[in-house]
Every structure is written in C-alpha cells, then in structure tokens.
Amino acid sequence: MYGVLPKTTEAQVLGKQILRSGTAIGANYREAYRARSDAEFVAKIGDCLKELDETAYWLELLGEAGIVSAIRLGDLADETDQLIAIFTTIAKRIRGRRRNEG
C-alpha cells in the first residue's frame, strides 16, 4: 500500500507510520512465538495489539484526510480488526489457562 500512496508529505508521513506499525506486528509476534514463558508470550501479544491499534489509527487518518478512499481501505481495516480479535482471544485464553493452573 505504501508504494502506491501519493507523494504528498501528508500521505508519505502517514504511510511510513503504517509501514512501521504494520511490520512491528510481525516482529512482535515472532518474539511471542519464541517466548520462554506464558507471561512473556502474553506481553508480546500485548505489544502486537498495541501495534495493531496504532495501525488502525493511521489507516483511519488516511481515510479521514481523503488520501485513500474508505472503500480502498476497507479490506485493510477489516483485516486489522480481525487480527485484533484474534490476538485478544489468544491473550485471554493464555491468561485464563494461567489462572486455572495457579
């Protein structure tokens, strides 16, 4: 998406923010996958959620600024919402499992 954004300052700034937060999600998930404990795993999943929320924010700004149409952003926003739901469920299940074990 970043590569096809207009070359205006506003579009490029927002695009770079999305690029950073969007790629950070993958890096944090990779760290979560390699976690040494449930607590570390849940913390990294929390980092994923923060980056997803930030990505959603930048996507909203792109739409609200009229840089990208809401229709073009729809699939990305939907995928972001789905990932938020998935990561939230994962974190809740691990926390619940830890409570039941303790």
PDB file of N, CA and C in Angstrom:
ATOM      1  N   MET A   1       0.816  -1.183   0.000  1.00  0.00           N
ATOM      2  CA  MET A   1       0.000   0.000   0.000  1.00  0.00           C
ATOM      3  C   MET A   1       0.867   1.256   0.000  1.00  0.00           C
ATOM      4  N   TYR A   2       1.927   1.234   0.792  1.00  0.00           N
ATOM      5  CA  TYR A   2       2.773   2.418   0.901  1.00  0.00           C
ATOM      6  C   TYR A   2       3.299   2.860  -0.462  1.00  0.00           C
ATOM      7  N   GLY A   3       3.682   1.904  -1.275  1.00  0.00           N
ATOM      8  CA  GLY A   3       4.266   2.209  -2.579  1.00  0.00           C
ATOM      9  C   GLY A   3       3.339   2.931  -3.540  1.00  0.00           C
ATOM     10  N   VAL A   4       2.031   2.824  -3.333  1.00  0.00           N
ATOM     11  CA  VAL A   4       1.093   3.461  -4.259  1.00  0.00           C
ATOM     12  C   VAL A   4       0.447   4.726  -3.684  1.00  0.00           C
ATOM     13  N   LEU A   5       0.888   5.129  -2.504  1.00  0.00           N
ATOM     14  CA  LEU A   5       0.345   6.362  -1.922  1.00  0.00           C
ATOM     15  C   LEU A   5       0.838   7.569  -2.717  1.00  0.00           C
ATOM     16  N   PRO A   6       0.048   8.641  -2.710  1.00  0.00           N
ATOM     17  CA  PRO A   6       0.514   9.871  -3.355  1.00  0.00           C
ATOM     18  C   PRO A   6       1.824  10.330  -2.714  1.00  0.00           C
ATOM     19  N   LYS A   7       2.589  11.091  -3.437  1.00  0.00           N
ATOM     20  CA  LYS A   7       3.893  11.549  -2.945  1.00  0.00           C
ATOM     21  C   LYS A   7       3.801  12.829  -2.117  1.00  0.00           C
ATOM     22  N   THR A   8       2.605  13.182  -1.680  1.00  0.00           N
ATOM     23  CA  THR A   8       2.456  14.363  -0.828  1.00  0.00           C
ATOM     24  C   THR A   8       3.061  14.068   0.540  1.00  0.00           C
ATOM     25  N   THR A   9       3.460  15.118   1.233  1.00  0.00           N
ATOM     26  CA  THR A   9       4.066  14.955   2.559  1.00  0.00           C
ATOM     27  C   THR A   9       3.123  14.232   3.501  1.00  0.00           C
ATOM     28  N   GLU A  10       1.855  14.637   3.522  1.00  0.00           N
ATOM     29  CA  GLU A  10       0.887  14.025   4.430  1.00  0.00           C
ATOM     30  C   GLU A  10       0.746  12.528   4.176  1.00  0.00           C
ATOM     31  N   ALA A  11       0.604  12.162   2.911  1.00  0.00           N
ATOM     32  CA  ALA A  11       0.428  10.755   2.564  1.00  0.00           C
ATOM     33  C   ALA A  11       1.663   9.943   2.927  1.00  0.00           C
ATOM     34  N   GLN A  12       2.832  10.488   2.673  1.00  0.00           N
ATOM     35  CA  GLN A  12       4.065   9.768   2.955  1.00  0.00           C
ATOM     36  C   GLN A  12       4.304   9.607   4.456  1.00  0.00           C
ATOM     37  N   VAL A  13       4.009  10.641   5.224  1.00  0.00           N
ATOM     38  CA  VAL A  13       4.178  10.548   6.678  1.00  0.00           C
ATOM     39  C   VAL A  13       3.252   9.486   7.254  1.00  0.00           C
ATOM     40  N   LEU A  14       1.983   9.539   6.886  1.00  0.00           N
ATOM     41  CA  LEU A  14       1.027   8.543   7.383  1.00  0.00           C
ATOM     42  C   LEU A  14       1.385   7.149   6.888  1.00  0.00           C
ATOM     43  N   GLY A  15       1.783   7.064   5.636  1.00  0.00           N
ATOM     44  CA  GLY A  15       2.158   5.777   5.061  1.00  0.00           C
ATOM     45  C   GLY A  15       3.343   5.150   5.781  1.00  0.00           C
ATOM     46  N   LYS A  16       4.337   5.972   6.093  1.00  0.00           N
ATOM     47  CA  LYS A  16       5.502   5.440   6.808  1.00  0.00           C
ATOM     48  C   LYS A  16       5.124   4.969   8.211  1.00  0.00           C
ATOM     49  N   GLN A  17       4.208   5.668   8.842  1.00  0.00           N
ATOM     50  CA  GLN A  17       3.749   5.244  10.171  1.00  0.00           C
ATOM     51  C   GLN A  17       3.062   3.874  10.088  1.00  0.00           C
ATOM     52  N   ILE A  18       2.234   3.694   9.065  1.00  0.00           N
ATOM     53  CA  ILE A  18       1.551   2.404   8.875  1.00  0.00           C
ATOM     54  C   ILE A  18       2.565   1.312   8.574  1.00  0.00           C
ATOM     55  N   LEU A  19       3.541   1.644   7.751  1.00  0.00           N
ATOM     56  CA  LEU A  19       4.582   0.683   7.411  1.00  0.00           C
ATOM     57  C   LEU A  19       5.336   0.237   8.663  1.00  0.00           C
ATOM     58  N   ARG A  20       5.659   1.174   9.528  1.00  0.00           N
ATOM     59  CA  ARG A  20       6.379   0.849  10.767  1.00  0.00           C
ATOM     60  C   ARG A  20       5.524   0.005  11.717  1.00  0.00           C
ATOM     61  N   SER A  21       4.312   0.481  11.983  1.00  0.00           N
ATOM     62  CA  SER A  21       3.481  -0.246  12.947  1.00  0.00           C
ATOM     63  C   SER A  21       3.041  -1.599  12.387  1.00  0.00           C
ATOM     64  N   GLY A  22       2.756  -1.637  11.098  1.00  0.00           N
ATOM     65  CA  GLY A  22       2.324  -2.896  10.485  1.00  0.00           C
ATOM     66  C   GLY A  22       3.400  -3.961  10.497  1.00  0.00           C
ATOM     67  N   THR A  23       4.648  -3.566  10.243  1.00  0.00           N
ATOM     68  CA  THR A  23       5.725  -4.553  10.263  1.00  0.00           C
ATOM     69  C   THR A  23       6.125  -4.913  11.690  1.00  0.00           C
ATOM     70  N   ALA A  24       5.911  -4.009  12.626  1.00  0.00           N
ATOM     71  CA  ALA A  24       6.217  -4.301  14.033  1.00  0.00           C
ATOM     72  C   ALA A  24       5.321  -5.419  14.568  1.00  0.00           C
ATOM     73  N   ILE A  25       4.132  -5.532  14.037  1.00  0.00           N
ATOM     74  CA  ILE A  25       3.214  -6.596  14.468  1.00  0.00           C
ATOM     75  C   ILE A  25       3.866  -7.956  14.224  1.00  0.00           C
ATOM     76  N   GLY A  26       4.387  -8.144  13.029  1.00  0.00           N
ATOM     77  CA  GLY A  26       5.037  -9.411  12.690  1.00  0.00           C
ATOM     78  C   GLY A  26       6.262  -9.683  13.542  1.00  0.00           C
ATOM     79  N   ALA A  27       7.060  -8.643  13.775  1.00  0.00           N
ATOM     80  CA  ALA A  27       8.259  -8.814  14.593  1.00  0.00           C
ATOM     81  C   ALA A  27       7.891  -9.190  16.028  1.00  0.00           C
ATOM     82  N   ASN A  28       6.883  -8.547  16.573  1.00  0.00           N
ATOM     83  CA  ASN A  28       6.452  -8.863  17.938  1.00  0.00           C
ATOM     84  C   ASN A  28       5.834 -10.251  18.023  1.00  0.00           C
ATOM     85  N   TYR A  29       5.089 -10.645  16.996  1.00  0.00           N
ATOM     86  CA  TYR A  29       4.512 -11.986  17.014  1.00  0.00           C
ATOM     87  C   TYR A  29       5.623 -13.035  16.964  1.00  0.00           C
ATOM     88  N   ARG A  30       6.632 -12.769  16.162  1.00  0.00           N
ATOM     89  CA  ARG A  30       7.755 -13.708  16.092  1.00  0.00           C
ATOM     90  C   ARG A  30       8.416 -13.844  17.465  1.00  0.00           C
ATOM     91  N   GLU A  31       8.576 -12.729  18.171  1.00  0.00           N
ATOM     92  CA  GLU A  31       9.125 -12.776  19.524  1.00  0.00           C
ATOM     93  C   GLU A  31       8.195 -13.539  20.461  1.00  0.00           C
ATOM     94  N   ALA A  32       6.886 -13.334  20.311  1.00  0.00           N
ATOM     95  CA  ALA A  32       5.918 -14.057  21.155  1.00  0.00           C
ATOM     96  C   ALA A  32       6.035 -15.554  20.915  1.00  0.00           C
ATOM     97  N   TYR A  33       6.155 -15.929  19.671  1.00  0.00           N
ATOM     98  CA  TYR A  33       6.256 -17.349  19.306  1.00  0.00           C
ATOM     99  C   TYR A  33       7.465 -17.999  19.968  1.00  0.00           C
ATOM    100  N   ARG A  34       8.506 -17.210  20.180  1.00  0.00           N
ATOM    101  CA  ARG A  34       9.739 -17.731  20.771  1.00  0.00           C
ATOM    102  C   ARG A  34       9.846 -17.429  22.271  1.00  0.00           C
ATOM    103  N   ALA A  35       8.753 -17.037  22.871  1.00  0.00           N
ATOM    104  CA  ALA A  35       8.743 -16.675  24.294  1.00  0.00           C
ATOM    105  C   ALA A  35       9.156 -17.853  25.162  1.00  0.00           C
ATOM    106  N   ARG A  36       9.794 -17.532  26.271  1.00  0.00           N
ATOM    107  CA  ARG A  36      10.258 -18.563  27.197  1.00  0.00           C
ATOM    108  C   ARG A  36       9.233 -18.880  28.271  1.00  0.00           C
ATOM    109  N   SER A  37       8.177 -18.081  28.354  1.00  0.00           N
ATOM    110  CA  SER A  37       7.150 -18.333  29.371  1.00  0.00           C
ATOM    111  C   SER A  37       5.817 -17.796  28.865  1.00  0.00           C
ATOM    112  N   ASP A  38       4.749 -18.219  29.516  1.00  0.00           N
ATOM    113  CA  ASP A  38       3.427 -17.693  29.170  1.00  0.00           C
ATOM    114  C   ASP A  38       3.357 -16.196  29.411  1.00  0.00           C
ATOM    115  N   ALA A  39       3.976 -15.738  30.490  1.00  0.00           N
ATOM    116  CA  ALA A  39       3.945 -14.302  30.801  1.00  0.00           C
ATOM    117  C   ALA A  39       4.630 -13.498  29.706  1.00  0.00           C
ATOM    118  N   GLU A  40       5.769 -13.985  29.241  1.00  0.00           N
ATOM    119  CA  GLU A  40       6.479 -13.298  28.158  1.00  0.00           C
ATOM    120  C   GLU A  40       5.650 -13.336  26.874  1.00  0.00           C
ATOM    121  N   PHE A  41       5.008 -14.471  26.615  1.00  0.00           N
ATOM    122  CA  PHE A  41       4.163 -14.624  25.435  1.00  0.00           C
ATOM    123  C   PHE A  41       3.016 -13.606  25.461  1.00  0.00           C
ATOM    124  N   VAL A  42       2.331 -13.529  26.585  1.00  0.00           N
ATOM    125  CA  VAL A  42       1.195 -12.602  26.713  1.00  0.00           C
ATOM    126  C   VAL A  42       1.670 -11.159  26.575  1.00  0.00           C
ATOM    127  N   ALA A  43       2.828 -10.842  27.120  1.00  0.00           N
ATOM    128  CA  ALA A  43       3.360  -9.479  26.999  1.00  0.00           C
ATOM    129  C   ALA A  43       3.625  -9.133  25.537  1.00  0.00           C
ATOM    130  N   LYS A  44       4.202 -10.059  24.789  1.00  0.00           N
ATOM    131  CA  LYS A  44       4.495  -9.801  23.369  1.00  0.00           C
ATOM    132  C   LYS A  44       3.208  -9.736  22.547  1.00  0.00           C
ATOM    133  N   ILE A  45       2.220 -10.541  22.900  1.00  0.00           N
ATOM    134  CA  ILE A  45       0.928 -10.456  22.217  1.00  0.00           C
ATOM    135  C   ILE A  45       0.311  -9.083  22.503  1.00  0.00           C
ATOM    136  N   GLY A  46       0.499  -8.588  23.725  1.00  0.00           N
ATOM    137  CA  GLY A  46       0.043  -7.241  24.060  1.00  0.00           C
ATOM    138  C   GLY A  46       0.720  -6.192  23.197  1.00  0.00           C
ATOM    139  N   ASP A  47       2.018  -6.388  22.920  1.00  0.00           N
ATOM    140  CA  ASP A  47       2.729  -5.469  22.026  1.00  0.00           C
ATOM    141  C   ASP A  47       2.146  -5.530  20.619  1.00  0.00           C
ATOM    142  N   CYS A  48       1.787  -6.727  20.174  1.00  0.00           N
ATOM    143  CA  CYS A  48       1.141  -6.884  18.867  1.00  0.00           C
ATOM    144  C   CYS A  48      -0.161  -6.087  18.833  1.00  0.00           C
ATOM    145  N   LEU A  49      -0.939  -6.191  19.906  1.00  0.00           N
ATOM    146  CA  LEU A  49      -2.215  -5.472  19.975  1.00  0.00           C
ATOM    147  C   LEU A  49      -2.012  -3.960  19.934  1.00  0.00           C
ATOM    148  N   LYS A  50      -0.987  -3.470  20.616  1.00  0.00           N
ATOM    149  CA  LYS A  50      -0.697  -2.032  20.581  1.00  0.00           C
ATOM    150  C   LYS A  50      -0.376  -1.584  19.159  1.00  0.00           C
ATOM    151  N   GLU A  51       0.440  -2.365  18.469  1.00  0.00           N
ATOM    152  CA  GLU A  51       0.819  -2.012  17.096  1.00  0.00           C
ATOM    153  C   GLU A  51      -0.379  -2.117  16.144  1.00  0.00           C
ATOM    154  N   LEU A  52      -1.232  -3.098  16.381  1.00  0.00           N
ATOM    155  CA  LEU A  52      -2.449  -3.216  15.561  1.00  0.00           C
ATOM    156  C   LEU A  52      -3.355  -2.014  15.762  1.00  0.00           C
ATOM    157  N   ASP A  53      -3.512  -1.604  17.017  1.00  0.00           N
ATOM    158  CA  ASP A  53      -4.341  -0.439  17.308  1.00  0.00           C
ATOM    159  C   ASP A  53      -3.760   0.809  16.656  1.00  0.00           C
ATOM    160  N   GLU A  54      -2.449   0.939  16.714  1.00  0.00           N
ATOM    161  CA  GLU A  54      -1.800   2.086  16.073  1.00  0.00           C
ATOM    162  C   GLU A  54      -1.992   2.038  14.556  1.00  0.00           C
ATOM    163  N   THR A  55      -1.867   0.868  13.979  1.00  0.00           N
ATOM    164  CA  THR A  55      -2.075   0.719  12.538  1.00  0.00           C
ATOM    165  C   THR A  55      -3.494   1.120  12.164  1.00  0.00           C
ATOM    166  N   ALA A  56      -4.469   0.695  12.963  1.00  0.00           N
ATOM    167  CA  ALA A  56      -5.863   1.072  12.713  1.00  0.00           C
ATOM    168  C   ALA A  56      -6.017   2.587  12.742  1.00  0.00           C
ATOM    169  N   TYR A  57      -5.347   3.220  13.684  1.00  0.00           N
ATOM    170  CA  TYR A  57      -5.403   4.688  13.796  1.00  0.00           C
ATOM    171  C   TYR A  57      -4.859   5.363  12.534  1.00  0.00           C
ATOM    172  N   TRP A  58      -3.693   4.923  12.072  1.00  0.00           N
ATOM    173  CA  TRP A  58      -3.111   5.534  10.871  1.00  0.00           C
ATOM    174  C   TRP A  58      -3.982   5.283   9.645  1.00  0.00           C
ATOM    175  N   LEU A  59      -4.576   4.111   9.559  1.00  0.00           N
ATOM    176  CA  LEU A  59      -5.496   3.834   8.450  1.00  0.00           C
ATOM    177  C   LEU A  59      -6.692   4.784   8.494  1.00  0.00           C
ATOM    178  N   GLU A  60      -7.227   4.992   9.697  1.00  0.00           N
ATOM    179  CA  GLU A  60      -8.349   5.931   9.852  1.00  0.00           C
ATOM    180  C   GLU A  60      -7.955   7.330   9.390  1.00  0.00           C
ATOM    181  N   LEU A  61      -6.761   7.760   9.772  1.00  0.00           N
ATOM    182  CA  LEU A  61      -6.309   9.094   9.368  1.00  0.00           C
ATOM    183  C   LEU A  61      -6.152   9.207   7.856  1.00  0.00           C
ATOM    184  N   LEU A  62      -5.642   8.152   7.229  1.00  0.00           N
ATOM    185  CA  LEU A  62      -5.543   8.172   5.759  1.00  0.00           C
ATOM    186  C   LEU A  62      -6.910   8.372   5.127  1.00  0.00           C
ATOM    187  N   GLY A  63      -7.909   7.696   5.662  1.00  0.00           N
ATOM    188  CA  GLY A  63      -9.268   7.830   5.140  1.00  0.00           C
ATOM    189  C   GLY A  63      -9.873   9.180   5.441  1.00  0.00           C
ATOM    190  N   GLU A  64      -9.735   9.630   6.690  1.00  0.00           N
ATOM    191  CA  GLU A  64     -10.328  10.904   7.096  1.00  0.00           C
ATOM    192  C   GLU A  64      -9.700  12.096   6.374  1.00  0.00           C
ATOM    193  N   ALA A  65      -8.423  11.967   6.025  1.00  0.00           N
ATOM    194  CA  ALA A  65      -7.742  13.036   5.304  1.00  0.00           C
ATOM    195  C   ALA A  65      -8.068  13.014   3.819  1.00  0.00           C
ATOM    196  N   GLY A  66      -8.786  11.986   3.378  1.00  0.00           N
ATOM    197  CA  GLY A  66      -9.146  11.876   1.973  1.00  0.00           C
ATOM    198  C   GLY A  66      -7.989  11.454   1.087  1.00  0.00           C
ATOM    199  N   ILE A  67      -6.946  10.907   1.682  1.00  0.00           N
ATOM    200  CA  ILE A  67      -5.780  10.477   0.910  1.00  0.00           C
ATOM    201  C   ILE A  67      -6.073   9.159   0.210  1.00  0.00           C
ATOM    202  N   VAL A  68      -6.776   8.269   0.904  1.00  0.00           N
ATOM    203  CA  VAL A  68      -7.187   6.987   0.353  1.00  0.00           C
ATOM    204  C   VAL A  68      -8.673   6.836   0.644  1.00  0.00           C
ATOM    205  N   SER A  69      -9.417   6.368  -0.332  1.00  0.00           N
ATOM    206  CA  SER A  69     -10.864   6.234  -0.147  1.00  0.00           C
ATOM    207  C   SER A  69     -11.185   5.148   0.876  1.00  0.00           C
ATOM    208  N   ALA A  70     -12.289   5.341   1.560  1.00  0.00           N
ATOM    209  CA  ALA A  70     -12.737   4.375   2.568  1.00  0.00           C
ATOM    210  C   ALA A  70     -12.932   2.998   1.937  1.00  0.00           C
ATOM    211  N   ILE A  71     -13.350   2.961   0.704  1.00  0.00           N
ATOM    212  CA  ILE A  71     -13.559   1.682   0.012  1.00  0.00           C
ATOM    213  C   ILE A  71     -12.234   0.951  -0.150  1.00  0.00           C
ATOM    214  N   ARG A  72     -11.192   1.677  -0.542  1.00  0.00           N
ATOM    215  CA  ARG A  72      -9.871   1.052  -0.724  1.00  0.00           C
ATOM    216  C   ARG A  72      -9.270   0.619   0.611  1.00  0.00           C
ATOM    217  N   LEU A  73      -9.602   1.325   1.673  1.00  0.00           N
ATOM    218  CA  LEU A  73      -9.075   0.988   3.000  1.00  0.00           C
ATOM    219  C   LEU A  73      -9.884  -0.108   3.685  1.00  0.00           C
ATOM    220  N   GLY A  74     -11.060  -0.383   3.170  1.00  0.00           N
ATOM    221  CA  GLY A  74     -11.982  -1.314   3.818  1.00  0.00           C
ATOM    222  C   GLY A  74     -11.384  -2.664   4.151  1.00  0.00           C
ATOM    223  N   ASP A  75     -10.729  -3.295   3.179  1.00  0.00           N
ATOM    224  CA  ASP A  75     -10.161  -4.623   3.421  1.00  0.00           C
ATOM    225  C   ASP A  75      -9.041  -4.577   4.461  1.00  0.00           C
ATOM    226  N   LEU A  76      -8.198  -3.553   4.387  1.00  0.00           N
ATOM    227  CA  LEU A  76      -7.110  -3.428   5.366  1.00  0.00           C
ATOM    228  C   LEU A  76      -7.657  -3.173   6.767  1.00  0.00           C
ATOM    229  N   ALA A  77      -8.644  -2.312   6.863  1.00  0.00           N
ATOM    230  CA  ALA A  77      -9.251  -2.028   8.168  1.00  0.00           C
ATOM    231  C   ALA A  77      -9.925  -3.279   8.723  1.00  0.00           C
ATOM    232  N   ASP A  78     -10.594  -4.023   7.852  1.00  0.00           N
ATOM    233  CA  ASP A  78     -11.254  -5.259   8.273  1.00  0.00           C
ATOM    234  C   ASP A  78     -10.225  -6.288   8.749  1.00  0.00           C
ATOM    235  N   GLU A  79      -9.140  -6.429   8.018  1.00  0.00           N
ATOM    236  CA  GLU A  79      -8.098  -7.375   8.417  1.00  0.00           C
ATOM    237  C   GLU A  79      -7.475  -6.960   9.747  1.00  0.00           C
ATOM    238  N   THR A  80      -7.278  -5.663   9.936  1.00  0.00           N
ATOM    239  CA  THR A  80      -6.736  -5.158  11.193  1.00  0.00           C
ATOM    240  C   THR A  80      -7.677  -5.501  12.344  1.00  0.00           C
ATOM    241  N   ASP A  81      -8.977  -5.286  12.145  1.00  0.00           N
ATOM    242  CA  ASP A  81      -9.968  -5.613  13.179  1.00  0.00           C
ATOM    243  C   ASP A  81      -9.987  -7.109  13.486  1.00  0.00           C
ATOM    244  N   GLN A  82      -9.865  -7.930  12.450  1.00  0.00           N
ATOM    245  CA  GLN A  82      -9.848  -9.374  12.648  1.00  0.00           C
ATOM    246  C   GLN A  82      -8.613  -9.810  13.435  1.00  0.00           C
ATOM    247  N   LEU A  83      -7.471  -9.217  13.110  1.00  0.00           N
ATOM    248  CA  LEU A  83      -6.250  -9.553  13.842  1.00  0.00           C
ATOM    249  C   LEU A  83      -6.326  -9.110  15.301  1.00  0.00           C
ATOM    250  N   ILE A  84      -6.932  -7.961  15.540  1.00  0.00           N
ATOM    251  CA  ILE A  84      -7.129  -7.510  16.917  1.00  0.00           C
ATOM    252  C   ILE A  84      -7.970  -8.530  17.682  1.00  0.00           C
ATOM    253  N   ALA A  85      -9.038  -9.011  17.057  1.00  0.00           N
ATOM    254  CA  ALA A  85      -9.901 -10.006  17.704  1.00  0.00           C
ATOM    255  C   ALA A  85      -9.146 -11.305  17.956  1.00  0.00           C
ATOM    256  N   ILE A  86      -8.338 -11.734  17.012  1.00  0.00           N
ATOM    257  CA  ILE A  86      -7.574 -12.980  17.160  1.00  0.00           C
ATOM    258  C   ILE A  86      -6.561 -12.860  18.291  1.00  0.00           C
ATOM    259  N   PHE A  87      -5.777 -11.783  18.280  1.00  0.00           N
ATOM    260  CA  PHE A  87      -4.753 -11.620  19.313  1.00  0.00           C
ATOM    261  C   PHE A  87      -5.371 -11.417  20.696  1.00  0.00           C
ATOM    262  N   THR A  88      -6.506 -10.748  20.754  1.00  0.00           N
ATOM    263  CA  THR A  88      -7.198 -10.571  22.038  1.00  0.00           C
ATOM    264  C   THR A  88      -7.641 -11.925  22.583  1.00  0.00           C
ATOM    265  N   THR A  89      -8.190 -12.759  21.729  1.00  0.00           N
ATOM    266  CA  THR A  89      -8.635 -14.090  22.133  1.00  0.00           C
ATOM    267  C   THR A  89      -7.459 -14.940  22.605  1.00  0.00           C
ATOM    268  N   ILE A  90      -6.355 -14.880  21.884  1.00  0.00           N
ATOM    269  CA  ILE A  90      -5.164 -15.634  22.277  1.00  0.00           C
ATOM    270  C   ILE A  90      -4.714 -15.210  23.673  1.00  0.00           C
ATOM    271  N   ALA A  91      -4.601 -13.907  23.884  1.00  0.00           N
ATOM    272  CA  ALA A  91      -4.137 -13.405  25.188  1.00  0.00           C
ATOM    273  C   ALA A  91      -5.084 -13.819  26.305  1.00  0.00           C
ATOM    274  N   LYS A  92      -6.388 -13.720  26.070  1.00  0.00           N
ATOM    275  CA  LYS A  92      -7.362 -14.104  27.095  1.00  0.00           C
ATOM    276  C   LYS A  92      -7.265 -15.586  27.427  1.00  0.00           C
ATOM    277  N   ARG A  93      -7.091 -16.421  26.424  1.00  0.00           N
ATOM    278  CA  ARG A  93      -7.002 -17.863  26.663  1.00  0.00           C
ATOM    279  C   ARG A  93      -5.764 -18.224  27.469  1.00  0.00           C
ATOM    280  N   ILE A  94      -4.640 -17.603  27.135  1.00  0.00           N
ATOM    281  CA  ILE A  94      -3.410 -17.895  27.885  1.00  0.00           C
ATOM    282  C   ILE A  94      -3.554 -17.402  29.316  1.00  0.00           C
ATOM    283  N   ARG A  95      -4.098 -16.204  29.509  1.00  0.00           N
ATOM    284  CA  ARG A  95      -4.307 -15.687  30.870  1.00  0.00           C
ATOM    285  C   ARG A  95      -5.244 -16.606  31.652  1.00  0.00           C
ATOM    286  N   GLY A  96      -6.311 -17.063  31.008  1.00  0.00           N
ATOM    287  CA  GLY A  96      -7.254 -17.965  31.659  1.00  0.00           C
ATOM    288  C   GLY A  96      -6.608 -19.281  32.034  1.00  0.00           C
ATOM    289  N   ARG A  97      -5.783 -19.797  31.153  1.00  0.00           N
ATOM    290  CA  ARG A  97      -5.073 -21.047  31.419  1.00  0.00           C
ATOM    291  C   ARG A  97      -4.134 -20.872  32.608  1.00  0.00           C
ATOM    292  N   ARG A  98      -3.453 -19.734  32.666  1.00  0.00           N
ATOM    293  CA  ARG A  98      -2.520 -19.472  33.766  1.00  0.00           C
ATOM    294  C   ARG A  98      -3.269 -19.375  35.093  1.00  0.00           C
ATOM    295  N   ARG A  99      -4.467 -18.749  35.075  1.00  0.00           N
ATOM    296  CA  ARG A  99      -5.263 -18.636  36.309  1.00  0.00           C
ATOM    297  C   ARG A  99      -5.710 -20.010  36.782  1.00  0.00           C
ATOM    298  N   ASN A 100      -6.109 -20.854  35.840  1.00  0.00           N
ATOM    299  CA  ASN A 100      -6.593 -22.195  36.195  1.00  0.00           C
ATOM    300  C   ASN A 100      -5.478 -23.092  36.714  1.00  0.00           C
ATOM    301  N   GLU A 101      -4.250 -22.851  36.249  1.00  0.00           N
ATOM    302  CA  GLU A 101      -3.109 -23.650  36.708  1.00  0.00           C
ATOM    303  C   GLU A 101      -2.626 -23.199  38.071  1.00  0.00           C
ATOM    304  N   GLY A 102      -2.802 -21.880  38.366  1.00  0.00           N
ATOM    305  CA  GLY A 102      -2.263 -21.310  39.604  1.00  0.00           C
ATOM    306  C   GLY A 102      -3.107 -21.600  40.759  1.00  0.00           C
TER     307      GLY A 102
END
